[in-house]
Amino acid sequence: MPSATAPQTSLRRSVSLVWRSLRSMRTALVLLLLLALAAVAGSLVPQVGVASARIAATFRDHPLRARIYDQLGLFDVYGSWWFTMLYTLLLISLVSCIVPRTRAFLRNLTSRPAPARELDVMRHYAEVAVGGEPDLAISRARKLLRRRLFRVSGPNGTPSLAADKGLGREGGSLVFHWAFLVLLVGIVWGRGTGISGQAVIVEGQTWTESHASYDG
């Protein structure tokens, strides 16, 4: 029985490790860098449907290099399986990063700051002794924090005070990442549902936007 369940446990751990890696923003940045490098290759190497004559010349003049490029899919970068895989992984990574962050942002937006339970483990924890009554010190701290655009909780007369800041920065970051995700989805949608064509226009001639005017 243990030997029968061991592969399932190993597979589950492997899937969990891959999922945790995809949920990391560092993974999304690495995938974005790889896509940028692929786009550079797609700009430097002649592509199918765009520079067919240059591809034929490469096979004629540099057959070994052309065969290597062809095996790697560099003549059709944006239609290759590895570019599609990178693109899909980037979409999954972005969604798995943005959705939990958005939910946490909405929870923080609708809730008030709460006092931390373990202040001494925080990075910038410090203790400062102030003179005067506790109520007066809390009142002055509340005014100072509000003046510095902190969100403050704790009504007047309470012995504790909590404040936080950074929702605006987090909201701007989420807006950027959601816009980037929508852009990527739009590119996929455009490639899947759109059409493309080529037309040779001789200088001095006119061209009409119609199906028959496009070259095969």
N, C-alpha and C. Protein backbone atom coordinates (compact mmCIF):
# COMPACT_ATOMS: atom_id res chain seq x y z
N MET A 1 0.81 -1.21 0.00
CA MET A 1 0.00 0.00 0.00
C MET A 1 0.85 1.27 0.00
N PRO A 2 1.92 1.41 0.83
CA PRO A 2 2.75 2.62 0.78
C PRO A 2 3.37 2.86 -0.58
N SER A 3 3.80 1.74 -1.25
CA SER A 3 4.41 1.92 -2.56
C SER A 3 3.42 2.41 -3.59
N ALA A 4 2.11 2.08 -3.41
CA ALA A 4 1.09 2.51 -4.37
C ALA A 4 0.75 3.98 -4.20
N THR A 5 0.83 4.49 -2.97
CA THR A 5 0.47 5.88 -2.73
C THR A 5 1.64 6.83 -2.88
N ALA A 6 2.87 6.31 -2.91
CA ALA A 6 4.04 7.18 -3.01
C ALA A 6 4.07 7.99 -4.28
N PRO A 7 3.78 7.42 -5.50
CA PRO A 7 3.79 8.23 -6.71
C PRO A 7 2.77 9.35 -6.69
N GLN A 8 1.57 9.07 -6.09
CA GLN A 8 0.55 10.11 -6.02
C GLN A 8 1.01 11.27 -5.15
N THR A 9 1.64 10.92 -4.01
CA THR A 9 2.15 11.98 -3.14
C THR A 9 3.23 12.79 -3.85
N SER A 10 4.12 12.11 -4.56
CA SER A 10 5.18 12.81 -5.28
C SER A 10 4.60 13.70 -6.37
N LEU A 11 3.61 13.20 -7.09
CA LEU A 11 2.98 14.00 -8.14
C LEU A 11 2.28 15.21 -7.54
N ARG A 12 1.60 15.01 -6.42
CA ARG A 12 0.90 16.12 -5.77
C ARG A 12 1.89 17.18 -5.31
N ARG A 13 3.02 16.74 -4.77
CA ARG A 13 4.03 17.71 -4.33
C ARG A 13 4.64 18.45 -5.50
N SER A 14 4.84 17.73 -6.60
CA SER A 14 5.41 18.38 -7.78
C SER A 14 4.46 19.43 -8.33
N VAL A 15 3.17 19.08 -8.41
CA VAL A 15 2.18 20.04 -8.91
C VAL A 15 2.08 21.24 -7.97
N SER A 16 2.13 20.96 -6.66
CA SER A 16 2.07 22.06 -5.69
C SER A 16 3.28 22.97 -5.81
N LEU A 17 4.47 22.38 -6.05
CA LEU A 17 5.68 23.19 -6.21
C LEU A 17 5.59 24.05 -7.45
N VAL A 18 5.10 23.47 -8.56
CA VAL A 18 4.95 24.25 -9.80
C VAL A 18 3.95 25.38 -9.60
N TRP A 19 2.84 25.09 -8.91
CA TRP A 19 1.83 26.12 -8.69
C TRP A 19 2.37 27.24 -7.82
N ARG A 20 3.11 26.90 -6.77
CA ARG A 20 3.70 27.94 -5.92
C ARG A 20 4.69 28.79 -6.70
N SER A 21 5.43 28.15 -7.60
CA SER A 21 6.38 28.90 -8.42
C SER A 21 5.67 29.85 -9.36
N LEU A 22 4.56 29.39 -9.96
CA LEU A 22 3.82 30.25 -10.88
C LEU A 22 3.16 31.41 -10.16
N ARG A 23 2.83 31.25 -8.89
CA ARG A 23 2.19 32.32 -8.13
C ARG A 23 3.17 33.40 -7.69
N SER A 24 4.44 33.18 -7.94
CA SER A 24 5.45 34.15 -7.55
C SER A 24 5.59 35.23 -8.62
N MET A 25 5.64 36.48 -8.20
CA MET A 25 5.83 37.58 -9.14
C MET A 25 7.21 37.50 -9.79
N ARG A 26 8.18 36.90 -9.11
CA ARG A 26 9.51 36.72 -9.70
C ARG A 26 9.43 35.81 -10.93
N THR A 27 8.60 34.76 -10.84
CA THR A 27 8.41 33.87 -11.99
C THR A 27 7.80 34.63 -13.16
N ALA A 28 6.81 35.48 -12.86
CA ALA A 28 6.18 36.27 -13.93
C ALA A 28 7.20 37.19 -14.60
N LEU A 29 8.10 37.76 -13.82
CA LEU A 29 9.12 38.63 -14.40
C LEU A 29 10.09 37.84 -15.27
N VAL A 30 10.45 36.63 -14.83
CA VAL A 30 11.35 35.79 -15.64
C VAL A 30 10.68 35.41 -16.96
N LEU A 31 9.39 35.03 -16.90
CA LEU A 31 8.67 34.68 -18.12
C LEU A 31 8.55 35.89 -19.05
N LEU A 32 8.33 37.07 -18.47
CA LEU A 32 8.26 38.28 -19.29
C LEU A 32 9.59 38.57 -19.96
N LEU A 33 10.70 38.34 -19.24
CA LEU A 33 12.02 38.52 -19.83
C LEU A 33 12.25 37.54 -20.98
N LEU A 34 11.84 36.29 -20.80
CA LEU A 34 12.00 35.30 -21.86
C LEU A 34 11.17 35.66 -23.09
N LEU A 35 9.96 36.19 -22.86
CA LEU A 35 9.14 36.64 -23.99
C LEU A 35 9.79 37.81 -24.71
N ALA A 36 10.41 38.71 -23.94
CA ALA A 36 11.10 39.84 -24.57
C ALA A 36 12.28 39.35 -25.42
N LEU A 37 13.03 38.37 -24.92
CA LEU A 37 14.13 37.81 -25.71
C LEU A 37 13.60 37.11 -26.96
N ALA A 38 12.46 36.43 -26.84
CA ALA A 38 11.87 35.79 -28.01
C ALA A 38 11.42 36.84 -29.03
N ALA A 39 10.89 37.96 -28.54
CA ALA A 39 10.49 39.02 -29.46
C ALA A 39 11.69 39.61 -30.18
N VAL A 40 12.83 39.70 -29.48
CA VAL A 40 14.05 40.17 -30.13
C VAL A 40 14.46 39.21 -31.25
N ALA A 41 14.37 37.91 -30.95
CA ALA A 41 14.70 36.92 -31.98
C ALA A 41 13.73 37.03 -33.16
N GLY A 42 12.45 37.28 -32.87
CA GLY A 42 11.48 37.43 -33.94
C GLY A 42 11.70 38.68 -34.78
N SER A 43 12.39 39.66 -34.21
CA SER A 43 12.69 40.88 -34.96
C SER A 43 13.96 40.74 -35.80
N LEU A 44 14.90 39.93 -35.33
CA LEU A 44 16.18 39.80 -36.04
C LEU A 44 16.16 38.70 -37.09
N VAL A 45 15.40 37.64 -36.86
CA VAL A 45 15.34 36.51 -37.79
C VAL A 45 14.15 36.70 -38.72
N PRO A 46 14.30 36.52 -40.02
CA PRO A 46 13.17 36.66 -40.94
C PRO A 46 12.05 35.68 -40.59
N GLN A 47 10.81 36.15 -40.68
CA GLN A 47 9.67 35.37 -40.25
C GLN A 47 8.84 34.90 -41.43
N VAL A 48 8.18 33.77 -41.23
CA VAL A 48 7.31 33.20 -42.26
C VAL A 48 6.14 34.15 -42.50
N GLY A 49 5.83 34.38 -43.76
CA GLY A 49 4.73 35.26 -44.11
C GLY A 49 5.10 36.72 -44.17
N VAL A 50 6.29 37.06 -43.69
CA VAL A 50 6.74 38.46 -43.70
C VAL A 50 7.95 38.63 -44.60
N ALA A 51 8.90 37.72 -44.51
CA ALA A 51 10.13 37.80 -45.30
C ALA A 51 10.46 36.42 -45.84
N SER A 52 9.57 35.89 -46.64
CA SER A 52 9.78 34.54 -47.20
C SER A 52 11.00 34.51 -48.10
N ALA A 53 11.25 35.58 -48.85
CA ALA A 53 12.41 35.62 -49.74
C ALA A 53 13.71 35.56 -48.94
N ARG A 54 13.77 36.23 -47.81
CA ARG A 54 14.97 36.20 -46.98
C ARG A 54 15.16 34.82 -46.36
N ILE A 55 14.07 34.13 -46.02
CA ILE A 55 14.20 32.78 -45.48
C ILE A 55 14.78 31.85 -46.54
N ALA A 56 14.26 31.96 -47.77
CA ALA A 56 14.79 31.13 -48.86
C ALA A 56 16.25 31.43 -49.12
N ALA A 57 16.64 32.71 -49.02
CA ALA A 57 18.04 33.07 -49.20
C ALA A 57 18.91 32.51 -48.09
N THR A 58 18.38 32.46 -46.87
CA THR A 58 19.14 31.89 -45.76
C THR A 58 19.36 30.40 -45.97
N PHE A 59 18.34 29.68 -46.43
CA PHE A 59 18.52 28.26 -46.72
C PHE A 59 19.53 28.05 -47.85
N ARG A 60 19.57 28.97 -48.79
CA ARG A 60 20.48 28.83 -49.92
C ARG A 60 21.92 29.17 -49.54
N ASP A 61 22.10 30.26 -48.80
CA ASP A 61 23.45 30.73 -48.50
C ASP A 61 24.02 30.11 -47.22
N HIS A 62 23.17 29.84 -46.24
CA HIS A 62 23.64 29.29 -44.96
C HIS A 62 22.74 28.11 -44.58
N PRO A 63 22.88 26.99 -45.22
CA PRO A 63 21.95 25.86 -44.99
C PRO A 63 22.00 25.33 -43.56
N LEU A 64 23.18 25.24 -42.94
CA LEU A 64 23.27 24.72 -41.58
C LEU A 64 22.56 25.65 -40.60
N ARG A 65 22.85 26.95 -40.70
CA ARG A 65 22.19 27.91 -39.83
C ARG A 65 20.68 27.90 -40.05
N ALA A 66 20.26 27.78 -41.30
CA ALA A 66 18.82 27.77 -41.59
C ALA A 66 18.15 26.55 -40.99
N ARG A 67 18.82 25.38 -41.05
CA ARG A 67 18.23 24.17 -40.47
C ARG A 67 18.11 24.30 -38.95
N ILE A 68 19.12 24.91 -38.32
CA ILE A 68 19.07 25.10 -36.86
C ILE A 68 17.92 26.06 -36.51
N TYR A 69 17.82 27.17 -37.22
CA TYR A 69 16.73 28.10 -36.99
C TYR A 69 15.37 27.44 -37.18
N ASP A 70 15.28 26.60 -38.22
CA ASP A 70 14.01 25.94 -38.51
C ASP A 70 13.64 24.95 -37.42
N GLN A 71 14.63 24.21 -36.91
CA GLN A 71 14.36 23.25 -35.84
C GLN A 71 13.95 23.96 -34.54
N LEU A 72 14.53 25.12 -34.30
CA LEU A 72 14.19 25.89 -33.10
C LEU A 72 12.92 26.71 -33.26
N GLY A 73 12.36 26.76 -34.46
CA GLY A 73 11.16 27.53 -34.68
C GLY A 73 11.39 29.03 -34.76
N LEU A 74 12.63 29.44 -35.06
CA LEU A 74 12.95 30.86 -35.09
C LEU A 74 12.42 31.55 -36.34
N PHE A 75 12.07 30.79 -37.37
CA PHE A 75 11.47 31.40 -38.55
C PHE A 75 9.98 31.71 -38.35
N ASP A 76 9.41 31.17 -37.29
CA ASP A 76 8.01 31.45 -36.95
C ASP A 76 7.90 31.53 -35.44
N VAL A 77 8.56 32.55 -34.87
CA VAL A 77 8.67 32.67 -33.42
C VAL A 77 7.30 32.75 -32.76
N TYR A 78 6.45 33.64 -33.27
CA TYR A 78 5.17 33.89 -32.60
C TYR A 78 4.16 32.77 -32.80
N GLY A 79 4.45 31.84 -33.70
CA GLY A 79 3.58 30.69 -33.88
C GLY A 79 4.19 29.40 -33.38
N SER A 80 5.36 29.47 -32.74
CA SER A 80 6.03 28.27 -32.26
C SER A 80 5.39 27.78 -30.97
N TRP A 81 5.62 26.50 -30.69
CA TRP A 81 5.02 25.90 -29.50
C TRP A 81 5.64 26.47 -28.22
N TRP A 82 6.95 26.76 -28.24
CA TRP A 82 7.58 27.25 -27.02
C TRP A 82 7.17 28.69 -26.70
N PHE A 83 6.92 29.50 -27.74
CA PHE A 83 6.44 30.85 -27.48
C PHE A 83 5.02 30.80 -26.92
N THR A 84 4.19 29.92 -27.46
CA THR A 84 2.84 29.75 -26.94
C THR A 84 2.85 29.27 -25.50
N MET A 85 3.79 28.36 -25.18
CA MET A 85 3.89 27.87 -23.81
C MET A 85 4.31 28.98 -22.86
N LEU A 86 5.31 29.78 -23.26
CA LEU A 86 5.73 30.90 -22.41
C LEU A 86 4.61 31.89 -22.21
N TYR A 87 3.87 32.17 -23.28
CA TYR A 87 2.76 33.12 -23.21
C TYR A 87 1.68 32.61 -22.26
N THR A 88 1.35 31.32 -22.37
CA THR A 88 0.32 30.74 -21.51
C THR A 88 0.75 30.73 -20.06
N LEU A 89 2.01 30.35 -19.80
CA LEU A 89 2.51 30.36 -18.43
C LEU A 89 2.51 31.76 -17.85
N LEU A 90 2.83 32.76 -18.66
CA LEU A 90 2.81 34.14 -18.18
C LEU A 90 1.40 34.57 -17.81
N LEU A 91 0.41 34.20 -18.62
CA LEU A 91 -0.97 34.52 -18.29
C LEU A 91 -1.40 33.86 -16.99
N ILE A 92 -1.07 32.56 -16.84
CA ILE A 92 -1.44 31.85 -15.62
C ILE A 92 -0.75 32.48 -14.41
N SER A 93 0.53 32.82 -14.56
CA SER A 93 1.27 33.41 -13.46
C SER A 93 0.69 34.76 -13.06
N LEU A 94 0.34 35.58 -14.05
CA LEU A 94 -0.25 36.88 -13.74
C LEU A 94 -1.57 36.74 -13.02
N VAL A 95 -2.44 35.86 -13.51
CA VAL A 95 -3.75 35.67 -12.88
C VAL A 95 -3.59 35.16 -11.45
N SER A 96 -2.70 34.17 -11.25
CA SER A 96 -2.51 33.61 -9.91
C SER A 96 -1.87 34.61 -8.95
N CYS A 97 -1.17 35.62 -9.47
CA CYS A 97 -0.60 36.67 -8.61
C CYS A 97 -1.59 37.79 -8.34
N ILE A 98 -2.33 38.19 -9.38
CA ILE A 98 -3.17 39.38 -9.26
C ILE A 98 -4.44 39.11 -8.48
N VAL A 99 -5.07 37.96 -8.70
CA VAL A 99 -6.35 37.69 -8.05
C VAL A 99 -6.23 37.68 -6.53
N PRO A 100 -5.27 36.94 -5.91
CA PRO A 100 -5.16 37.02 -4.45
C PRO A 100 -4.82 38.42 -3.95
N ARG A 101 -3.95 39.14 -4.68
CA ARG A 101 -3.61 40.50 -4.27
C ARG A 101 -4.81 41.42 -4.34
N THR A 102 -5.65 41.23 -5.36
CA THR A 102 -6.85 42.06 -5.48
C THR A 102 -7.82 41.80 -4.35
N ARG A 103 -8.00 40.53 -4.01
CA ARG A 103 -8.90 40.20 -2.90
C ARG A 103 -8.38 40.78 -1.59
N ALA A 104 -7.08 40.66 -1.36
CA ALA A 104 -6.50 41.22 -0.13
C ALA A 104 -6.63 42.74 -0.13
N PHE A 105 -6.46 43.36 -1.29
CA PHE A 105 -6.60 44.82 -1.37
C PHE A 105 -8.02 45.26 -1.05
N LEU A 106 -9.01 44.54 -1.57
CA LEU A 106 -10.40 44.88 -1.30
C LEU A 106 -10.74 44.68 0.17
N ARG A 107 -10.20 43.62 0.77
CA ARG A 107 -10.43 43.41 2.21
C ARG A 107 -9.83 44.55 3.02
N ASN A 108 -8.61 44.95 2.69
CA ASN A 108 -7.98 46.04 3.43
C ASN A 108 -8.69 47.37 3.18
N LEU A 109 -9.25 47.51 1.97
CA LEU A 109 -9.93 48.76 1.65
C LEU A 109 -11.22 48.93 2.45
N THR A 110 -11.89 47.83 2.71
CA THR A 110 -13.18 47.89 3.42
C THR A 110 -13.04 47.72 4.93
N SER A 111 -11.84 47.46 5.41
CA SER A 111 -11.63 47.28 6.85
C SER A 111 -10.78 48.42 7.39
N ARG A 112 -10.77 48.51 8.68
CA ARG A 112 -9.97 49.54 9.34
C ARG A 112 -8.67 48.93 9.85
N PRO A 113 -7.61 49.72 9.98
CA PRO A 113 -6.35 49.20 10.52
C PRO A 113 -6.55 48.60 11.91
N ALA A 114 -5.91 47.47 12.14
CA ALA A 114 -6.00 46.79 13.43
C ALA A 114 -4.63 46.76 14.09
N PRO A 115 -4.56 46.88 15.41
CA PRO A 115 -3.26 46.83 16.10
C PRO A 115 -2.57 45.49 15.87
N ALA A 116 -1.28 45.53 15.62
CA ALA A 116 -0.52 44.31 15.41
C ALA A 116 -0.34 43.57 16.73
N ARG A 117 -0.33 42.24 16.66
CA ARG A 117 -0.20 41.44 17.88
C ARG A 117 1.25 41.29 18.31
N GLU A 118 2.17 41.23 17.37
CA GLU A 118 3.58 41.02 17.70
C GLU A 118 4.41 42.14 17.06
N LEU A 119 4.45 43.25 17.72
CA LEU A 119 5.18 44.40 17.18
C LEU A 119 6.68 44.17 17.15
N ASP A 120 7.20 43.41 18.12
CA ASP A 120 8.65 43.28 18.23
C ASP A 120 9.27 42.48 17.09
N VAL A 121 8.47 41.75 16.30
CA VAL A 121 9.04 40.99 15.19
C VAL A 121 9.02 41.78 13.89
N MET A 122 8.45 42.96 13.91
CA MET A 122 8.40 43.78 12.70
C MET A 122 9.77 44.40 12.42
N ARG A 123 9.99 44.70 11.15
CA ARG A 123 11.31 45.14 10.70
C ARG A 123 11.70 46.48 11.30
N HIS A 124 10.77 47.42 11.34
CA HIS A 124 11.08 48.78 11.80
C HIS A 124 10.49 49.03 13.20
N TYR A 125 10.45 48.00 14.00
CA TYR A 125 9.92 48.15 15.36
C TYR A 125 10.87 48.98 16.21
N ALA A 126 10.28 49.91 16.96
CA ALA A 126 11.08 50.74 17.86
C ALA A 126 10.19 51.24 19.00
N GLU A 127 10.78 51.49 20.12
CA GLU A 127 10.07 52.03 21.28
C GLU A 127 10.62 53.42 21.60
N VAL A 128 9.68 54.36 21.81
CA VAL A 128 10.05 55.74 22.12
C VAL A 128 9.22 56.18 23.32
N ALA A 129 9.89 56.71 24.32
CA ALA A 129 9.20 57.20 25.51
C ALA A 129 8.80 58.66 25.31
N VAL A 130 7.56 58.98 25.58
CA VAL A 130 7.06 60.35 25.46
C VAL A 130 6.48 60.79 26.79
N GLY A 131 6.54 62.07 27.01
CA GLY A 131 5.99 62.60 28.24
C GLY A 131 4.51 62.91 28.11
N GLY A 132 3.85 63.08 29.23
CA GLY A 132 2.43 63.43 29.22
C GLY A 132 1.54 62.22 29.44
N GLU A 133 0.26 62.50 29.52
CA GLU A 133 -0.72 61.45 29.73
C GLU A 133 -0.88 60.59 28.47
N PRO A 134 -1.25 59.29 28.63
CA PRO A 134 -1.45 58.43 27.47
C PRO A 134 -2.50 58.95 26.49
N ASP A 135 -3.59 59.48 27.01
CA ASP A 135 -4.63 59.99 26.11
C ASP A 135 -4.12 61.14 25.26
N LEU A 136 -3.32 62.01 25.87
CA LEU A 136 -2.78 63.15 25.13
C LEU A 136 -1.79 62.67 24.08
N ALA A 137 -0.95 61.69 24.42
CA ALA A 137 0.03 61.16 23.45
C ALA A 137 -0.68 60.49 22.27
N ILE A 138 -1.74 59.75 22.54
CA ILE A 138 -2.48 59.09 21.46
C ILE A 138 -3.17 60.12 20.59
N SER A 139 -3.71 61.16 21.20
CA SER A 139 -4.37 62.20 20.43
C SER A 139 -3.38 62.92 19.51
N ARG A 140 -2.20 63.22 20.02
CA ARG A 140 -1.18 63.87 19.17
C ARG A 140 -0.71 62.93 18.06
N ALA A 141 -0.54 61.66 18.38
CA ALA A 141 -0.13 60.69 17.36
C ALA A 141 -1.19 60.55 16.27
N ARG A 142 -2.46 60.57 16.67
CA ARG A 142 -3.54 60.47 15.69
C ARG A 142 -3.52 61.66 14.73
N LYS A 143 -3.34 62.85 15.26
CA LYS A 143 -3.31 64.04 14.41
C LYS A 143 -2.10 64.00 13.46
N LEU A 144 -0.94 63.58 13.98
CA LEU A 144 0.26 63.53 13.15
C LEU A 144 0.10 62.50 12.03
N LEU A 145 -0.43 61.33 12.34
CA LEU A 145 -0.60 60.28 11.33
C LEU A 145 -1.60 60.69 10.26
N ARG A 146 -2.67 61.32 10.66
CA ARG A 146 -3.66 61.78 9.68
C ARG A 146 -3.08 62.87 8.79
N ARG A 147 -2.23 63.72 9.38
CA ARG A 147 -1.60 64.77 8.58
C ARG A 147 -0.65 64.17 7.55
N ARG A 148 -0.10 63.01 7.83
CA ARG A 148 0.79 62.33 6.90
C ARG A 148 0.06 61.29 6.04
N LEU A 149 -1.26 61.40 5.98
CA LEU A 149 -2.11 60.60 5.09
C LEU A 149 -2.13 59.12 5.44
N PHE A 150 -2.00 58.81 6.73
CA PHE A 150 -2.19 57.44 7.19
C PHE A 150 -3.67 57.22 7.47
N ARG A 151 -4.11 55.98 7.29
CA ARG A 151 -5.44 55.60 7.76
C ARG A 151 -5.34 55.25 9.23
N VAL A 152 -6.17 55.86 10.03
CA VAL A 152 -6.08 55.72 11.49
C VAL A 152 -7.37 55.10 11.99
N SER A 153 -7.25 54.16 12.90
CA SER A 153 -8.41 53.57 13.56
C SER A 153 -8.22 53.67 15.06
N GLY A 154 -9.31 53.60 15.75
CA GLY A 154 -9.28 53.77 17.19
C GLY A 154 -9.96 55.07 17.57
N PRO A 155 -11.19 55.03 18.03
CA PRO A 155 -11.90 56.27 18.37
C PRO A 155 -11.25 56.98 19.53
N ASN A 156 -11.62 58.22 19.66
CA ASN A 156 -11.08 59.02 20.77
C ASN A 156 -11.44 58.38 22.11
N GLY A 157 -10.47 58.37 22.99
CA GLY A 157 -10.70 57.81 24.32
C GLY A 157 -10.24 56.37 24.46
N THR A 158 -9.84 55.71 23.38
CA THR A 158 -9.37 54.33 23.47
C THR A 158 -7.88 54.32 23.79
N PRO A 159 -7.40 53.29 24.50
CA PRO A 159 -5.99 53.27 24.89
C PRO A 159 -5.05 52.77 23.79
N SER A 160 -5.54 52.52 22.60
CA SER A 160 -4.68 52.00 21.54
C SER A 160 -4.96 52.76 20.25
N LEU A 161 -4.01 52.66 19.34
CA LEU A 161 -4.12 53.36 18.06
C LEU A 161 -3.44 52.51 16.99
N ALA A 162 -4.06 52.39 15.82
CA ALA A 162 -3.50 51.64 14.70
C ALA A 162 -3.60 52.49 13.45
N ALA A 163 -2.60 52.38 12.61
CA ALA A 163 -2.59 53.16 11.37
C ALA A 163 -1.84 52.37 10.30
N ASP A 164 -2.21 52.60 9.05
CA ASP A 164 -1.50 51.98 7.95
C ASP A 164 -1.48 52.92 6.76
N LYS A 165 -0.64 52.58 5.78
CA LYS A 165 -0.47 53.42 4.61
C LYS A 165 0.02 52.55 3.46
N GLY A 166 -0.28 52.94 2.23
CA GLY A 166 0.21 52.20 1.08
C GLY A 166 -0.87 51.62 0.20
N LEU A 167 -2.16 51.86 0.55
CA LEU A 167 -3.23 51.32 -0.29
C LEU A 167 -3.23 51.97 -1.68
N GLY A 168 -2.88 53.25 -1.74
CA GLY A 168 -2.83 53.91 -3.04
C GLY A 168 -1.77 53.32 -3.95
N ARG A 169 -0.60 53.02 -3.38
CA ARG A 169 0.47 52.41 -4.17
C ARG A 169 0.09 51.01 -4.62
N GLU A 170 -0.51 50.25 -3.71
CA GLU A 170 -0.94 48.90 -4.08
C GLU A 170 -2.05 48.94 -5.13
N GLY A 171 -2.97 49.92 -4.99
CA GLY A 171 -4.02 50.05 -6.00
C GLY A 171 -3.47 50.41 -7.36
N GLY A 172 -2.50 51.31 -7.42
CA GLY A 172 -1.87 51.65 -8.70
C GLY A 172 -1.15 50.47 -9.32
N SER A 173 -0.46 49.68 -8.48
CA SER A 173 0.21 48.49 -8.99
C SER A 173 -0.78 47.49 -9.55
N LEU A 174 -1.91 47.32 -8.87
CA LEU A 174 -2.92 46.38 -9.37
C LEU A 174 -3.55 46.87 -10.67
N VAL A 175 -3.79 48.17 -10.78
CA VAL A 175 -4.35 48.71 -12.02
C VAL A 175 -3.39 48.45 -13.19
N PHE A 176 -2.10 48.66 -12.94
CA PHE A 176 -1.11 48.41 -14.00
C PHE A 176 -1.10 46.94 -14.41
N HIS A 177 -1.08 46.03 -13.43
CA HIS A 177 -1.00 44.61 -13.75
C HIS A 177 -2.28 44.11 -14.41
N TRP A 178 -3.45 44.62 -13.98
CA TRP A 178 -4.68 44.23 -14.65
C TRP A 178 -4.71 44.75 -16.08
N ALA A 179 -4.23 45.96 -16.30
CA ALA A 179 -4.17 46.50 -17.66
C ALA A 179 -3.23 45.68 -18.53
N PHE A 180 -2.10 45.26 -17.95
CA PHE A 180 -1.16 44.43 -18.71
C PHE A 180 -1.77 43.08 -19.05
N LEU A 181 -2.52 42.51 -18.10
CA LEU A 181 -3.19 41.23 -18.36
C LEU A 181 -4.23 41.37 -19.45
N VAL A 182 -5.01 42.45 -19.41
CA VAL A 182 -6.02 42.68 -20.45
C VAL A 182 -5.34 42.84 -21.81
N LEU A 183 -4.19 43.52 -21.83
CA LEU A 183 -3.45 43.68 -23.09
C LEU A 183 -3.01 42.32 -23.65
N LEU A 184 -2.48 41.45 -22.79
CA LEU A 184 -2.06 40.13 -23.24
C LEU A 184 -3.24 39.31 -23.75
N VAL A 185 -4.36 39.37 -23.02
CA VAL A 185 -5.55 38.63 -23.47
C VAL A 185 -6.04 39.19 -24.80
N GLY A 186 -5.97 40.52 -24.95
CA GLY A 186 -6.38 41.13 -26.22
C GLY A 186 -5.51 40.69 -27.38
N ILE A 187 -4.21 40.52 -27.13
CA ILE A 187 -3.33 40.05 -28.20
C ILE A 187 -3.69 38.63 -28.61
N VAL A 188 -3.96 37.77 -27.60
CA VAL A 188 -4.37 36.40 -27.91
C VAL A 188 -5.67 36.38 -28.68
N TRP A 189 -6.63 37.20 -28.24
CA TRP A 189 -7.93 37.27 -28.92
C TRP A 189 -7.77 37.78 -30.35
N GLY A 190 -6.93 38.77 -30.53
CA GLY A 190 -6.72 39.32 -31.87
C GLY A 190 -6.08 38.31 -32.81
N ARG A 191 -5.10 37.55 -32.29
CA ARG A 191 -4.45 36.55 -33.14
C ARG A 191 -5.39 35.38 -33.45
N GLY A 192 -6.30 35.09 -32.51
CA GLY A 192 -7.19 33.96 -32.73
C GLY A 192 -8.38 34.28 -33.61
N THR A 193 -8.86 35.51 -33.56
CA THR A 193 -10.06 35.88 -34.31
C THR A 193 -9.80 36.85 -35.45
N GLY A 194 -8.62 37.50 -35.46
CA GLY A 194 -8.35 38.48 -36.51
C GLY A 194 -7.80 37.83 -37.77
N ILE A 195 -7.61 38.64 -38.77
CA ILE A 195 -7.06 38.19 -40.04
C ILE A 195 -5.88 39.09 -40.40
N SER A 196 -5.01 38.58 -41.25
CA SER A 196 -3.88 39.37 -41.74
C SER A 196 -3.66 39.03 -43.20
N GLY A 197 -3.12 39.97 -43.91
CA GLY A 197 -2.87 39.77 -45.33
C GLY A 197 -1.77 40.68 -45.83
N GLN A 198 -1.26 40.37 -47.00
CA GLN A 198 -0.19 41.15 -47.60
C GLN A 198 -0.63 41.63 -48.98
N ALA A 199 -0.17 42.79 -49.32
CA ALA A 199 -0.49 43.36 -50.63
C ALA A 199 0.73 44.08 -51.16
N VAL A 200 1.04 43.87 -52.43
CA VAL A 200 2.15 44.55 -53.10
C VAL A 200 1.56 45.71 -53.89
N ILE A 201 1.98 46.92 -53.56
CA ILE A 201 1.47 48.13 -54.21
C ILE A 201 2.62 48.77 -54.98
N VAL A 202 2.47 48.85 -56.25
CA VAL A 202 3.48 49.47 -57.11
C VAL A 202 3.30 50.98 -57.07
N GLU A 203 4.40 51.67 -57.04
CA GLU A 203 4.35 53.13 -56.97
C GLU A 203 3.59 53.68 -58.18
N GLY A 204 2.65 54.55 -57.89
CA GLY A 204 1.83 55.15 -58.93
C GLY A 204 0.49 54.47 -59.13
N GLN A 205 0.32 53.28 -58.56
CA GLN A 205 -0.94 52.57 -58.66
C GLN A 205 -1.77 52.78 -57.40
N THR A 206 -3.05 52.47 -57.50
CA THR A 206 -3.96 52.57 -56.36
C THR A 206 -4.30 51.18 -55.85
N TRP A 207 -4.82 51.15 -54.64
CA TRP A 207 -5.16 49.86 -54.01
C TRP A 207 -6.47 50.02 -53.26
N THR A 208 -7.32 49.03 -53.37
CA THR A 208 -8.64 49.06 -52.75
C THR A 208 -8.70 48.00 -51.66
N GLU A 209 -9.24 48.35 -50.53
CA GLU A 209 -9.39 47.41 -49.41
C GLU A 209 -10.50 46.41 -49.73
N SER A 210 -10.12 45.28 -50.23
CA SER A 210 -11.06 44.19 -50.56
C SER A 210 -10.30 42.87 -50.54
N HIS A 211 -11.02 41.79 -50.39
CA HIS A 211 -10.40 40.46 -50.30
C HIS A 211 -9.59 40.13 -51.56
N ALA A 212 -10.10 40.52 -52.70
CA ALA A 212 -9.43 40.17 -53.96
C ALA A 212 -8.12 40.95 -54.15
N SER A 213 -7.94 42.05 -53.45
CA SER A 213 -6.75 42.88 -53.63
C SER A 213 -5.53 42.35 -52.89
N TYR A 214 -5.77 41.44 -51.94
CA TYR A 214 -4.64 40.88 -51.18
C TYR A 214 -3.95 39.83 -52.00
N ASP A 215 -2.62 39.72 -51.80
CA ASP A 215 -1.84 38.68 -52.46
C ASP A 215 -1.93 37.40 -51.65
N GLY A 216 -1.83 36.29 -52.32
CA GLY A 216 -1.89 35.01 -51.61
C GLY A 216 -0.67 34.80 -50.77
